[in-house]
Amino acid sequence: MTVTIIGLILLVIIAFVAYRYLKVRRQNIELSKQRFERIKPLLERIQGGQEITARDVALYAENFLTREPTFHLLRENEKLNLFPKELLTIEKGAESNLANWLEFPTELDACPDEMEHVKQVTIPFDKENNVHFHVFKFRVNEPHWAAKDGWMLGVAGPYFDDSAPYDHPGATFSRLSKVEITSPEEEANWVFNNIVKRG
């Protein structure tokens, strides 16, 4: 009897894990399609040989969610001269990367309604190098479930002394911690110790 109960419990756990994996995978596929659709008009104009202007690009570059893919699209098509110079910084790339990360269904499941850069936190990596993390505060409006939490912190990084704008950071993360209960340094160090070092 005990073996049967343990077997049923294991079966339920396996079924739940499989369901969760498939659901998240399906959500990620849908999100990827949605992200492509956001820049599709710009892509089609470039692929169609139509002229695009800096003003056309600015509409996409100013948005948190389309800024990073717009940069990569322009770079691949040798049109980076059209990307707004004021957004051509590691900080602005980090902001877009974090916004896209937060949109994942397994995270905040939304793009923040507001986002502000708080500070860059530098952590010694080894004898010769430091790593840099950009910490942002963000919040969402009602009716999102996290609206009640107000401002929360998120971290994008690590970046190195020789990193370029829109280099992909390997450890963008947020514990969705409220600004009142943590600090930028604490969040950056948590990401460094729990994601970067273990990665």
N, C-alpha and C. Protein backbone atom coordinates (compact mmCIF):
# COMPACT_ATOMS: atom_id res chain seq x y z
N MET A 1 0.81 -1.20 0.00
CA MET A 1 0.00 0.00 0.00
C MET A 1 0.86 1.27 0.00
N THR A 2 1.91 1.25 0.83
CA THR A 2 2.81 2.40 0.91
C THR A 2 3.50 2.65 -0.43
N VAL A 3 3.91 1.57 -1.10
CA VAL A 3 4.58 1.69 -2.40
C VAL A 3 3.63 2.31 -3.42
N THR A 4 2.37 1.96 -3.38
CA THR A 4 1.38 2.51 -4.30
C THR A 4 1.19 4.00 -4.06
N ILE A 5 1.11 4.41 -2.81
CA ILE A 5 0.95 5.84 -2.47
C ILE A 5 2.16 6.63 -2.92
N ILE A 6 3.35 6.12 -2.64
CA ILE A 6 4.58 6.81 -3.07
C ILE A 6 4.62 6.90 -4.59
N GLY A 7 4.22 5.82 -5.26
CA GLY A 7 4.19 5.82 -6.73
C GLY A 7 3.22 6.86 -7.28
N LEU A 8 2.05 6.98 -6.65
CA LEU A 8 1.06 7.98 -7.08
C LEU A 8 1.58 9.40 -6.85
N ILE A 9 2.22 9.61 -5.71
CA ILE A 9 2.78 10.95 -5.41
C ILE A 9 3.85 11.30 -6.44
N LEU A 10 4.73 10.35 -6.74
CA LEU A 10 5.77 10.60 -7.75
C LEU A 10 5.16 10.86 -9.12
N LEU A 11 4.11 10.13 -9.45
CA LEU A 11 3.43 10.32 -10.74
C LEU A 11 2.81 11.71 -10.83
N VAL A 12 2.19 12.16 -9.75
CA VAL A 12 1.60 13.51 -9.71
C VAL A 12 2.70 14.57 -9.86
N ILE A 13 3.81 14.39 -9.17
CA ILE A 13 4.92 15.35 -9.25
C ILE A 13 5.47 15.40 -10.68
N ILE A 14 5.68 14.25 -11.28
CA ILE A 14 6.20 14.19 -12.66
C ILE A 14 5.22 14.84 -13.63
N ALA A 15 3.94 14.55 -13.45
CA ALA A 15 2.91 15.15 -14.32
C ALA A 15 2.90 16.66 -14.18
N PHE A 16 3.02 17.16 -12.95
CA PHE A 16 3.02 18.61 -12.73
C PHE A 16 4.24 19.27 -13.37
N VAL A 17 5.41 18.66 -13.18
CA VAL A 17 6.64 19.20 -13.77
C VAL A 17 6.54 19.23 -15.30
N ALA A 18 6.04 18.15 -15.88
CA ALA A 18 5.88 18.09 -17.34
C ALA A 18 4.90 19.15 -17.83
N TYR A 19 3.77 19.28 -17.13
CA TYR A 19 2.77 20.30 -17.49
C TYR A 19 3.38 21.70 -17.41
N ARG A 20 4.08 21.97 -16.32
CA ARG A 20 4.68 23.30 -16.12
C ARG A 20 5.71 23.59 -17.21
N TYR A 21 6.54 22.61 -17.53
CA TYR A 21 7.56 22.77 -18.57
C TYR A 21 6.91 23.08 -19.91
N LEU A 22 5.91 22.32 -20.27
CA LEU A 22 5.24 22.52 -21.56
C LEU A 22 4.51 23.86 -21.61
N LYS A 23 3.89 24.23 -20.50
CA LYS A 23 3.17 25.51 -20.45
C LYS A 23 4.14 26.69 -20.61
N VAL A 24 5.23 26.66 -19.86
CA VAL A 24 6.23 27.74 -19.94
C VAL A 24 6.85 27.79 -21.33
N ARG A 25 7.14 26.62 -21.89
CA ARG A 25 7.71 26.56 -23.25
C ARG A 25 6.76 27.19 -24.26
N ARG A 26 5.47 26.85 -24.16
CA ARG A 26 4.48 27.42 -25.07
C ARG A 26 4.38 28.94 -24.89
N GLN A 27 4.40 29.40 -23.64
CA GLN A 27 4.34 30.83 -23.37
C GLN A 27 5.56 31.55 -23.93
N ASN A 28 6.74 30.93 -23.82
CA ASN A 28 7.96 31.54 -24.35
C ASN A 28 7.93 31.63 -25.87
N ILE A 29 7.37 30.61 -26.52
CA ILE A 29 7.23 30.64 -27.98
C ILE A 29 6.30 31.77 -28.40
N GLU A 30 5.19 31.90 -27.68
CA GLU A 30 4.23 32.98 -27.98
C GLU A 30 4.86 34.35 -27.75
N LEU A 31 5.64 34.48 -26.68
CA LEU A 31 6.30 35.75 -26.39
C LEU A 31 7.33 36.08 -27.47
N SER A 32 8.06 35.09 -27.94
CA SER A 32 9.03 35.32 -29.01
C SER A 32 8.34 35.80 -30.29
N LYS A 33 7.19 35.21 -30.61
CA LYS A 33 6.43 35.65 -31.78
C LYS A 33 5.97 37.09 -31.60
N GLN A 34 5.49 37.39 -30.39
CA GLN A 34 5.02 38.74 -30.09
C GLN A 34 6.16 39.75 -30.22
N ARG A 35 7.34 39.39 -29.74
CA ARG A 35 8.50 40.29 -29.83
C ARG A 35 8.89 40.53 -31.28
N PHE A 36 8.83 39.48 -32.10
CA PHE A 36 9.13 39.63 -33.52
C PHE A 36 8.11 40.56 -34.18
N GLU A 37 6.84 40.40 -33.83
CA GLU A 37 5.78 41.22 -34.42
C GLU A 37 5.99 42.70 -34.13
N ARG A 38 6.56 43.01 -32.98
CA ARG A 38 6.77 44.41 -32.60
C ARG A 38 7.71 45.15 -33.54
N ILE A 39 8.73 44.46 -34.04
CA ILE A 39 9.68 45.13 -34.93
C ILE A 39 9.51 44.69 -36.39
N LYS A 40 8.52 43.86 -36.65
CA LYS A 40 8.31 43.33 -38.00
C LYS A 40 8.15 44.43 -39.05
N PRO A 41 7.39 45.51 -38.78
CA PRO A 41 7.28 46.55 -39.81
C PRO A 41 8.63 47.16 -40.20
N LEU A 42 9.49 47.37 -39.21
CA LEU A 42 10.82 47.91 -39.50
C LEU A 42 11.66 46.91 -40.28
N LEU A 43 11.60 45.65 -39.88
CA LEU A 43 12.32 44.58 -40.58
C LEU A 43 11.87 44.48 -42.03
N GLU A 44 10.56 44.52 -42.25
CA GLU A 44 10.03 44.39 -43.62
C GLU A 44 10.47 45.56 -44.50
N ARG A 45 10.52 46.75 -43.92
CA ARG A 45 10.98 47.90 -44.70
C ARG A 45 12.45 47.76 -45.09
N ILE A 46 13.26 47.29 -44.13
CA ILE A 46 14.68 47.10 -44.42
C ILE A 46 14.86 46.01 -45.47
N GLN A 47 14.19 44.87 -45.27
CA GLN A 47 14.31 43.76 -46.22
C GLN A 47 13.75 44.11 -47.59
N GLY A 48 12.77 45.00 -47.63
CA GLY A 48 12.17 45.41 -48.89
C GLY A 48 12.95 46.49 -49.61
N GLY A 49 14.07 46.92 -48.99
CA GLY A 49 14.91 47.93 -49.62
C GLY A 49 14.34 49.34 -49.52
N GLN A 50 13.33 49.53 -48.66
CA GLN A 50 12.76 50.86 -48.50
C GLN A 50 13.67 51.71 -47.62
N GLU A 51 13.64 52.97 -47.85
CA GLU A 51 14.45 53.88 -47.05
C GLU A 51 13.82 54.05 -45.68
N ILE A 52 14.66 53.98 -44.65
CA ILE A 52 14.18 54.29 -43.31
C ILE A 52 15.01 55.43 -42.76
N THR A 53 14.41 56.19 -41.87
CA THR A 53 15.08 57.36 -41.32
C THR A 53 15.35 57.16 -39.83
N ALA A 54 16.14 58.05 -39.27
CA ALA A 54 16.41 58.01 -37.84
C ALA A 54 15.12 58.19 -37.05
N ARG A 55 14.20 58.95 -37.60
CA ARG A 55 12.91 59.14 -36.93
C ARG A 55 12.10 57.83 -36.90
N ASP A 56 12.15 57.07 -37.99
CA ASP A 56 11.49 55.76 -38.02
C ASP A 56 12.06 54.85 -36.93
N VAL A 57 13.37 54.86 -36.82
CA VAL A 57 14.06 54.00 -35.85
C VAL A 57 13.77 54.45 -34.43
N ALA A 58 13.69 55.76 -34.20
CA ALA A 58 13.47 56.29 -32.85
C ALA A 58 12.19 55.76 -32.23
N LEU A 59 11.17 55.55 -33.03
CA LEU A 59 9.90 55.03 -32.51
C LEU A 59 10.09 53.66 -31.85
N TYR A 60 11.00 52.87 -32.38
CA TYR A 60 11.27 51.54 -31.84
C TYR A 60 12.33 51.59 -30.74
N ALA A 61 13.32 52.45 -30.90
CA ALA A 61 14.44 52.51 -29.96
C ALA A 61 14.03 53.12 -28.62
N GLU A 62 13.04 53.97 -28.60
CA GLU A 62 12.63 54.61 -27.36
C GLU A 62 11.84 53.68 -26.45
N ASN A 63 11.26 52.64 -27.01
CA ASN A 63 10.46 51.70 -26.23
C ASN A 63 11.38 50.67 -25.57
N PHE A 64 11.18 50.44 -24.24
CA PHE A 64 12.01 49.47 -23.52
C PHE A 64 12.07 48.13 -24.24
N LEU A 65 10.91 47.66 -24.69
CA LEU A 65 10.81 46.30 -25.21
C LEU A 65 11.37 46.14 -26.62
N THR A 66 11.35 47.19 -27.41
CA THR A 66 11.83 47.07 -28.80
C THR A 66 13.23 47.67 -29.00
N ARG A 67 13.76 48.31 -27.98
CA ARG A 67 15.07 48.97 -28.13
C ARG A 67 16.18 47.98 -28.45
N GLU A 68 16.32 46.94 -27.65
CA GLU A 68 17.41 45.97 -27.84
C GLU A 68 17.29 45.23 -29.17
N PRO A 69 16.10 44.69 -29.52
CA PRO A 69 16.01 44.03 -30.83
C PRO A 69 16.20 44.99 -32.00
N THR A 70 15.81 46.25 -31.83
CA THR A 70 16.03 47.24 -32.90
C THR A 70 17.51 47.47 -33.13
N PHE A 71 18.27 47.58 -32.03
CA PHE A 71 19.72 47.74 -32.15
C PHE A 71 20.32 46.58 -32.94
N HIS A 72 19.97 45.35 -32.57
CA HIS A 72 20.54 44.17 -33.24
C HIS A 72 20.10 44.08 -34.70
N LEU A 73 18.87 44.45 -34.98
CA LEU A 73 18.38 44.45 -36.36
C LEU A 73 19.18 45.45 -37.20
N LEU A 74 19.40 46.62 -36.68
CA LEU A 74 20.16 47.64 -37.42
C LEU A 74 21.62 47.23 -37.59
N ARG A 75 22.19 46.64 -36.55
CA ARG A 75 23.59 46.21 -36.66
C ARG A 75 23.75 45.14 -37.73
N GLU A 76 22.82 44.18 -37.75
CA GLU A 76 22.88 43.10 -38.75
C GLU A 76 22.73 43.64 -40.17
N ASN A 77 22.04 44.77 -40.31
CA ASN A 77 21.80 45.33 -41.64
C ASN A 77 22.64 46.57 -41.93
N GLU A 78 23.70 46.76 -41.12
CA GLU A 78 24.65 47.86 -41.30
C GLU A 78 23.96 49.22 -41.37
N LYS A 79 23.03 49.45 -40.43
CA LYS A 79 22.31 50.72 -40.38
C LYS A 79 22.35 51.32 -38.97
N LEU A 80 23.39 50.99 -38.21
CA LEU A 80 23.48 51.49 -36.84
C LEU A 80 23.59 53.01 -36.77
N ASN A 81 23.97 53.64 -37.85
CA ASN A 81 24.06 55.10 -37.85
C ASN A 81 22.70 55.75 -37.61
N LEU A 82 21.62 54.98 -37.77
CA LEU A 82 20.27 55.50 -37.56
C LEU A 82 19.80 55.36 -36.11
N PHE A 83 20.53 54.59 -35.31
CA PHE A 83 20.14 54.37 -33.92
C PHE A 83 20.43 55.63 -33.11
N PRO A 84 19.49 56.08 -32.26
CA PRO A 84 19.71 57.32 -31.49
C PRO A 84 20.96 57.25 -30.63
N LYS A 85 21.82 58.23 -30.78
CA LYS A 85 23.10 58.23 -30.06
C LYS A 85 22.91 58.27 -28.54
N GLU A 86 21.86 58.95 -28.08
CA GLU A 86 21.64 59.05 -26.63
C GLU A 86 21.22 57.72 -26.02
N LEU A 87 20.81 56.77 -26.85
CA LEU A 87 20.43 55.45 -26.36
C LEU A 87 21.52 54.42 -26.61
N LEU A 88 22.64 54.86 -27.13
CA LEU A 88 23.75 53.96 -27.47
C LEU A 88 24.71 53.85 -26.28
N THR A 89 24.17 53.40 -25.14
CA THR A 89 24.96 53.25 -23.92
C THR A 89 24.67 51.88 -23.30
N ILE A 90 25.59 51.44 -22.48
CA ILE A 90 25.39 50.18 -21.77
C ILE A 90 24.16 50.29 -20.87
N GLU A 91 24.00 51.42 -20.21
CA GLU A 91 22.86 51.61 -19.32
C GLU A 91 21.52 51.45 -20.05
N LYS A 92 21.39 52.04 -21.23
CA LYS A 92 20.14 51.94 -21.97
C LYS A 92 19.92 50.54 -22.53
N GLY A 93 21.01 49.85 -22.89
CA GLY A 93 20.89 48.46 -23.31
C GLY A 93 20.47 47.57 -22.15
N ALA A 94 21.05 47.84 -20.98
CA ALA A 94 20.70 47.07 -19.78
C ALA A 94 19.23 47.28 -19.42
N GLU A 95 18.76 48.49 -19.55
CA GLU A 95 17.36 48.80 -19.26
C GLU A 95 16.41 47.99 -20.15
N SER A 96 16.72 47.94 -21.42
CA SER A 96 15.90 47.18 -22.36
C SER A 96 15.99 45.69 -22.09
N ASN A 97 17.19 45.22 -21.77
CA ASN A 97 17.37 43.80 -21.47
C ASN A 97 16.56 43.39 -20.25
N LEU A 98 16.57 44.20 -19.22
CA LEU A 98 15.81 43.89 -18.01
C LEU A 98 14.30 43.93 -18.29
N ALA A 99 13.85 44.92 -19.05
CA ALA A 99 12.42 45.00 -19.37
C ALA A 99 11.96 43.75 -20.12
N ASN A 100 12.77 43.29 -21.06
CA ASN A 100 12.42 42.06 -21.81
C ASN A 100 12.45 40.84 -20.90
N TRP A 101 13.40 40.79 -19.98
CA TRP A 101 13.48 39.66 -19.05
C TRP A 101 12.25 39.65 -18.14
N LEU A 102 11.86 40.81 -17.64
CA LEU A 102 10.71 40.89 -16.74
C LEU A 102 9.42 40.46 -17.42
N GLU A 103 9.36 40.61 -18.74
CA GLU A 103 8.14 40.27 -19.47
C GLU A 103 7.89 38.76 -19.53
N PHE A 104 8.91 37.95 -19.27
CA PHE A 104 8.74 36.50 -19.34
C PHE A 104 7.65 36.06 -18.38
N PRO A 105 6.85 35.08 -18.80
CA PRO A 105 5.74 34.59 -17.95
C PRO A 105 6.20 34.06 -16.60
N THR A 106 7.42 33.55 -16.52
CA THR A 106 7.90 32.99 -15.25
C THR A 106 8.48 34.07 -14.34
N GLU A 107 8.50 35.31 -14.79
CA GLU A 107 9.05 36.39 -13.97
C GLU A 107 7.91 37.36 -13.60
N LEU A 108 8.02 38.63 -13.97
CA LEU A 108 6.96 39.60 -13.66
C LEU A 108 5.75 39.40 -14.57
N ASP A 109 5.99 38.84 -15.75
CA ASP A 109 4.94 38.60 -16.75
C ASP A 109 4.36 39.90 -17.29
N ALA A 110 5.21 40.93 -17.31
CA ALA A 110 4.77 42.23 -17.86
C ALA A 110 5.99 43.13 -18.01
N CYS A 111 5.86 44.07 -18.94
CA CYS A 111 6.87 45.13 -19.04
C CYS A 111 6.51 46.17 -17.98
N PRO A 112 7.48 46.68 -17.25
CA PRO A 112 7.16 47.71 -16.26
C PRO A 112 6.51 48.93 -16.91
N ASP A 113 5.61 49.55 -16.18
CA ASP A 113 5.01 50.81 -16.65
C ASP A 113 5.97 51.97 -16.44
N GLU A 114 6.82 51.86 -15.43
CA GLU A 114 7.86 52.86 -15.19
C GLU A 114 9.14 52.13 -14.80
N MET A 115 10.26 52.71 -15.25
CA MET A 115 11.56 52.13 -14.93
C MET A 115 12.58 53.25 -14.86
N GLU A 116 13.41 53.22 -13.83
CA GLU A 116 14.45 54.25 -13.65
C GLU A 116 15.77 53.60 -13.24
N HIS A 117 16.85 54.11 -13.80
CA HIS A 117 18.18 53.64 -13.42
C HIS A 117 18.49 54.17 -12.03
N VAL A 118 18.92 53.27 -11.13
CA VAL A 118 19.26 53.67 -9.77
C VAL A 118 20.76 53.92 -9.65
N LYS A 119 21.55 52.91 -10.04
CA LYS A 119 23.00 53.09 -10.00
C LYS A 119 23.71 51.90 -10.64
N GLN A 120 24.99 52.12 -10.90
CA GLN A 120 25.87 51.04 -11.33
C GLN A 120 26.60 50.54 -10.10
N VAL A 121 26.59 49.23 -9.90
CA VAL A 121 27.30 48.63 -8.77
C VAL A 121 28.47 47.84 -9.34
N THR A 122 29.67 48.15 -8.84
CA THR A 122 30.89 47.48 -9.30
C THR A 122 31.36 46.50 -8.23
N ILE A 123 31.68 45.29 -8.66
CA ILE A 123 32.12 44.22 -7.75
C ILE A 123 33.44 43.65 -8.26
N PRO A 124 34.43 43.51 -7.39
CA PRO A 124 35.69 42.88 -7.81
C PRO A 124 35.44 41.44 -8.26
N PHE A 125 35.99 41.10 -9.44
CA PHE A 125 35.77 39.76 -10.00
C PHE A 125 36.99 38.87 -9.77
N ASP A 126 38.13 39.38 -10.13
CA ASP A 126 39.39 38.69 -9.86
C ASP A 126 40.45 39.77 -9.68
N LYS A 127 41.71 39.38 -9.68
CA LYS A 127 42.78 40.36 -9.41
C LYS A 127 42.85 41.47 -10.44
N GLU A 128 42.40 41.18 -11.65
CA GLU A 128 42.56 42.16 -12.73
C GLU A 128 41.26 42.78 -13.21
N ASN A 129 40.13 42.18 -12.89
CA ASN A 129 38.87 42.64 -13.48
C ASN A 129 37.79 42.91 -12.44
N ASN A 130 36.95 43.86 -12.78
CA ASN A 130 35.74 44.13 -12.02
C ASN A 130 34.55 43.78 -12.91
N VAL A 131 33.41 43.52 -12.29
CA VAL A 131 32.17 43.37 -13.04
C VAL A 131 31.24 44.49 -12.59
N HIS A 132 30.40 44.91 -13.52
CA HIS A 132 29.48 46.02 -13.26
C HIS A 132 28.05 45.54 -13.49
N PHE A 133 27.19 45.93 -12.59
CA PHE A 133 25.77 45.63 -12.71
C PHE A 133 24.99 46.94 -12.70
N HIS A 134 24.00 47.03 -13.57
CA HIS A 134 23.12 48.19 -13.57
C HIS A 134 21.85 47.82 -12.84
N VAL A 135 21.53 48.60 -11.83
CA VAL A 135 20.36 48.33 -11.00
C VAL A 135 19.28 49.36 -11.33
N PHE A 136 18.08 48.86 -11.55
CA PHE A 136 16.94 49.70 -11.90
C PHE A 136 15.82 49.49 -10.89
N LYS A 137 15.04 50.54 -10.71
CA LYS A 137 13.79 50.35 -9.97
C LYS A 137 12.67 50.43 -11.00
N PHE A 138 11.63 49.65 -10.75
CA PHE A 138 10.52 49.59 -11.69
C PHE A 138 9.23 49.33 -10.94
N ARG A 139 8.14 49.65 -11.60
CA ARG A 139 6.83 49.34 -11.02
C ARG A 139 5.81 49.15 -12.13
N VAL A 140 4.72 48.50 -11.76
CA VAL A 140 3.62 48.26 -12.70
C VAL A 140 2.34 48.85 -12.11
N ASN A 141 1.43 49.17 -12.98
CA ASN A 141 0.15 49.74 -12.56
C ASN A 141 -0.90 48.64 -12.38
N GLU A 142 -1.97 48.99 -11.69
CA GLU A 142 -3.14 48.11 -11.60
C GLU A 142 -3.65 47.84 -13.01
N PRO A 143 -4.19 46.70 -13.30
CA PRO A 143 -4.58 45.64 -12.36
C PRO A 143 -3.53 44.56 -12.15
N HIS A 144 -2.28 44.81 -12.54
CA HIS A 144 -1.25 43.79 -12.39
C HIS A 144 -1.12 43.39 -10.92
N TRP A 145 -0.87 42.11 -10.68
CA TRP A 145 -0.77 41.58 -9.30
C TRP A 145 0.34 42.23 -8.48
N ALA A 146 1.40 42.74 -9.14
CA ALA A 146 2.53 43.32 -8.40
C ALA A 146 2.39 44.82 -8.18
N ALA A 147 1.30 45.42 -8.62
CA ALA A 147 1.11 46.87 -8.46
C ALA A 147 1.16 47.26 -6.98
N LYS A 148 0.65 46.41 -6.12
CA LYS A 148 0.61 46.69 -4.69
C LYS A 148 2.01 46.78 -4.08
N ASP A 149 3.00 46.21 -4.75
CA ASP A 149 4.37 46.21 -4.21
C ASP A 149 5.13 47.50 -4.49
N GLY A 150 4.58 48.36 -5.33
CA GLY A 150 5.26 49.63 -5.62
C GLY A 150 6.55 49.43 -6.38
N TRP A 151 7.56 50.22 -6.02
CA TRP A 151 8.86 50.14 -6.70
C TRP A 151 9.62 48.89 -6.25
N MET A 152 10.15 48.16 -7.23
CA MET A 152 10.97 46.97 -6.98
C MET A 152 12.30 47.14 -7.72
N LEU A 153 13.28 46.32 -7.34
CA LEU A 153 14.60 46.43 -7.96
C LEU A 153 14.87 45.25 -8.90
N GLY A 154 15.59 45.55 -9.97
CA GLY A 154 16.04 44.54 -10.91
C GLY A 154 17.47 44.84 -11.31
N VAL A 155 18.20 43.82 -11.73
CA VAL A 155 19.63 43.94 -12.01
C VAL A 155 19.93 43.41 -13.40
N ALA A 156 20.71 44.15 -14.16
CA ALA A 156 21.20 43.68 -15.46
C ALA A 156 22.73 43.67 -15.42
N GLY A 157 23.30 42.56 -15.83
CA GLY A 157 24.75 42.43 -15.83
C GLY A 157 25.13 40.96 -15.96
N PRO A 158 26.35 40.60 -15.82
CA PRO A 158 27.47 41.50 -15.57
C PRO A 158 28.00 42.13 -16.86
N TYR A 159 28.52 43.32 -16.70
CA TYR A 159 29.25 44.00 -17.76
C TYR A 159 30.69 44.16 -17.29
N PHE A 160 31.59 44.24 -18.25
CA PHE A 160 33.01 44.35 -17.94
C PHE A 160 33.53 45.70 -18.42
N ASP A 161 34.76 46.01 -18.07
CA ASP A 161 35.34 47.29 -18.47
C ASP A 161 35.35 47.47 -19.98
N ASP A 162 35.46 46.37 -20.72
CA ASP A 162 35.53 46.47 -22.18
C ASP A 162 34.19 46.11 -22.85
N SER A 163 33.11 46.03 -22.08
CA SER A 163 31.80 45.74 -22.68
C SER A 163 31.35 46.89 -23.56
N ALA A 164 30.60 46.54 -24.58
CA ALA A 164 30.04 47.54 -25.50
C ALA A 164 28.53 47.62 -25.27
N PRO A 165 27.93 48.75 -25.66
CA PRO A 165 26.47 48.85 -25.54
C PRO A 165 25.78 47.68 -26.26
N TYR A 166 24.80 47.13 -25.60
CA TYR A 166 23.95 46.05 -26.12
C TYR A 166 24.66 44.71 -26.20
N ASP A 167 25.84 44.59 -25.55
CA ASP A 167 26.38 43.26 -25.31
C ASP A 167 25.38 42.53 -24.41
N HIS A 168 25.22 41.24 -24.64
CA HIS A 168 24.22 40.50 -23.86
C HIS A 168 24.74 40.21 -22.45
N PRO A 169 24.04 40.69 -21.42
CA PRO A 169 24.44 40.35 -20.06
C PRO A 169 23.93 38.95 -19.71
N GLY A 170 24.74 38.16 -19.06
CA GLY A 170 24.37 36.78 -18.82
C GLY A 170 23.60 36.51 -17.55
N ALA A 171 23.37 37.55 -16.73
CA ALA A 171 22.74 37.28 -15.43
C ALA A 171 21.70 38.34 -15.07
N THR A 172 20.91 38.78 -16.01
CA THR A 172 19.84 39.72 -15.71
C THR A 172 18.83 39.01 -14.82
N PHE A 173 18.41 39.70 -13.74
CA PHE A 173 17.54 39.03 -12.78
C PHE A 173 16.86 40.03 -11.86
N SER A 174 15.73 39.63 -11.33
CA SER A 174 15.07 40.40 -10.28
C SER A 174 14.40 39.43 -9.33
N ARG A 175 14.57 39.68 -8.05
CA ARG A 175 13.84 38.92 -7.04
C ARG A 175 12.51 39.60 -6.74
N LEU A 176 12.22 40.68 -7.48
CA LEU A 176 11.01 41.48 -7.29
C LEU A 176 10.95 42.01 -5.86
N SER A 177 12.13 42.35 -5.34
CA SER A 177 12.23 42.89 -3.99
C SER A 177 11.84 44.36 -3.97
N LYS A 178 11.07 44.75 -2.97
CA LYS A 178 10.67 46.15 -2.82
C LYS A 178 11.88 46.99 -2.45
N VAL A 179 11.89 48.23 -2.95
CA VAL A 179 13.03 49.11 -2.66
C VAL A 179 13.17 49.39 -1.17
N GLU A 180 12.09 49.27 -0.41
CA GLU A 180 12.14 49.56 1.02
C GLU A 180 12.86 48.47 1.82
N ILE A 181 12.99 47.29 1.24
CA ILE A 181 13.56 46.18 2.03
C ILE A 181 14.92 45.70 1.53
N THR A 182 15.46 46.36 0.53
CA THR A 182 16.76 45.94 0.01
C THR A 182 17.51 47.17 -0.49
N SER A 183 18.69 46.95 -1.03
CA SER A 183 19.49 48.05 -1.59
C SER A 183 20.03 47.62 -2.95
N PRO A 184 20.44 48.57 -3.78
CA PRO A 184 21.04 48.20 -5.07
C PRO A 184 22.25 47.29 -4.90
N GLU A 185 23.08 47.58 -3.90
CA GLU A 185 24.28 46.77 -3.67
C GLU A 185 23.91 45.34 -3.27
N GLU A 186 22.90 45.21 -2.41
CA GLU A 186 22.48 43.88 -1.98
C GLU A 186 21.95 43.06 -3.15
N GLU A 187 21.15 43.69 -4.01
CA GLU A 187 20.60 42.97 -5.15
C GLU A 187 21.69 42.57 -6.15
N ALA A 188 22.60 43.49 -6.43
CA ALA A 188 23.70 43.18 -7.37
C ALA A 188 24.58 42.07 -6.82
N ASN A 189 24.89 42.13 -5.53
CA ASN A 189 25.72 41.08 -4.92
C ASN A 189 24.99 39.74 -4.90
N TRP A 190 23.67 39.75 -4.71
CA TRP A 190 22.92 38.50 -4.75
C TRP A 190 23.02 37.86 -6.13
N VAL A 191 22.85 38.67 -7.18
CA VAL A 191 22.95 38.17 -8.55
C VAL A 191 24.36 37.64 -8.81
N PHE A 192 25.37 38.38 -8.36
CA PHE A 192 26.75 37.97 -8.57
C PHE A 192 27.04 36.62 -7.88
N ASN A 193 26.61 36.50 -6.62
CA ASN A 193 26.92 35.29 -5.85
C ASN A 193 26.06 34.08 -6.22
N ASN A 194 24.82 34.31 -6.63
CA ASN A 194 23.90 33.20 -6.86
C ASN A 194 23.69 32.84 -8.32
N ILE A 195 24.04 33.74 -9.22
CA ILE A 195 23.86 33.42 -10.64
C ILE A 195 25.19 33.42 -11.38
N VAL A 196 25.96 34.51 -11.25
CA VAL A 196 27.23 34.60 -11.99
C VAL A 196 28.21 33.52 -11.52
N LYS A 197 28.43 33.45 -10.22
CA LYS A 197 29.41 32.51 -9.70
C LYS A 197 28.98 31.05 -9.88
N ARG A 198 27.70 30.81 -9.87
CA ARG A 198 27.20 29.43 -10.01
C ARG A 198 26.97 29.04 -11.46
N GLY A 199 27.02 30.04 -12.35
CA GLY A 199 26.77 29.79 -13.76
C GLY A 199 27.93 29.16 -14.42
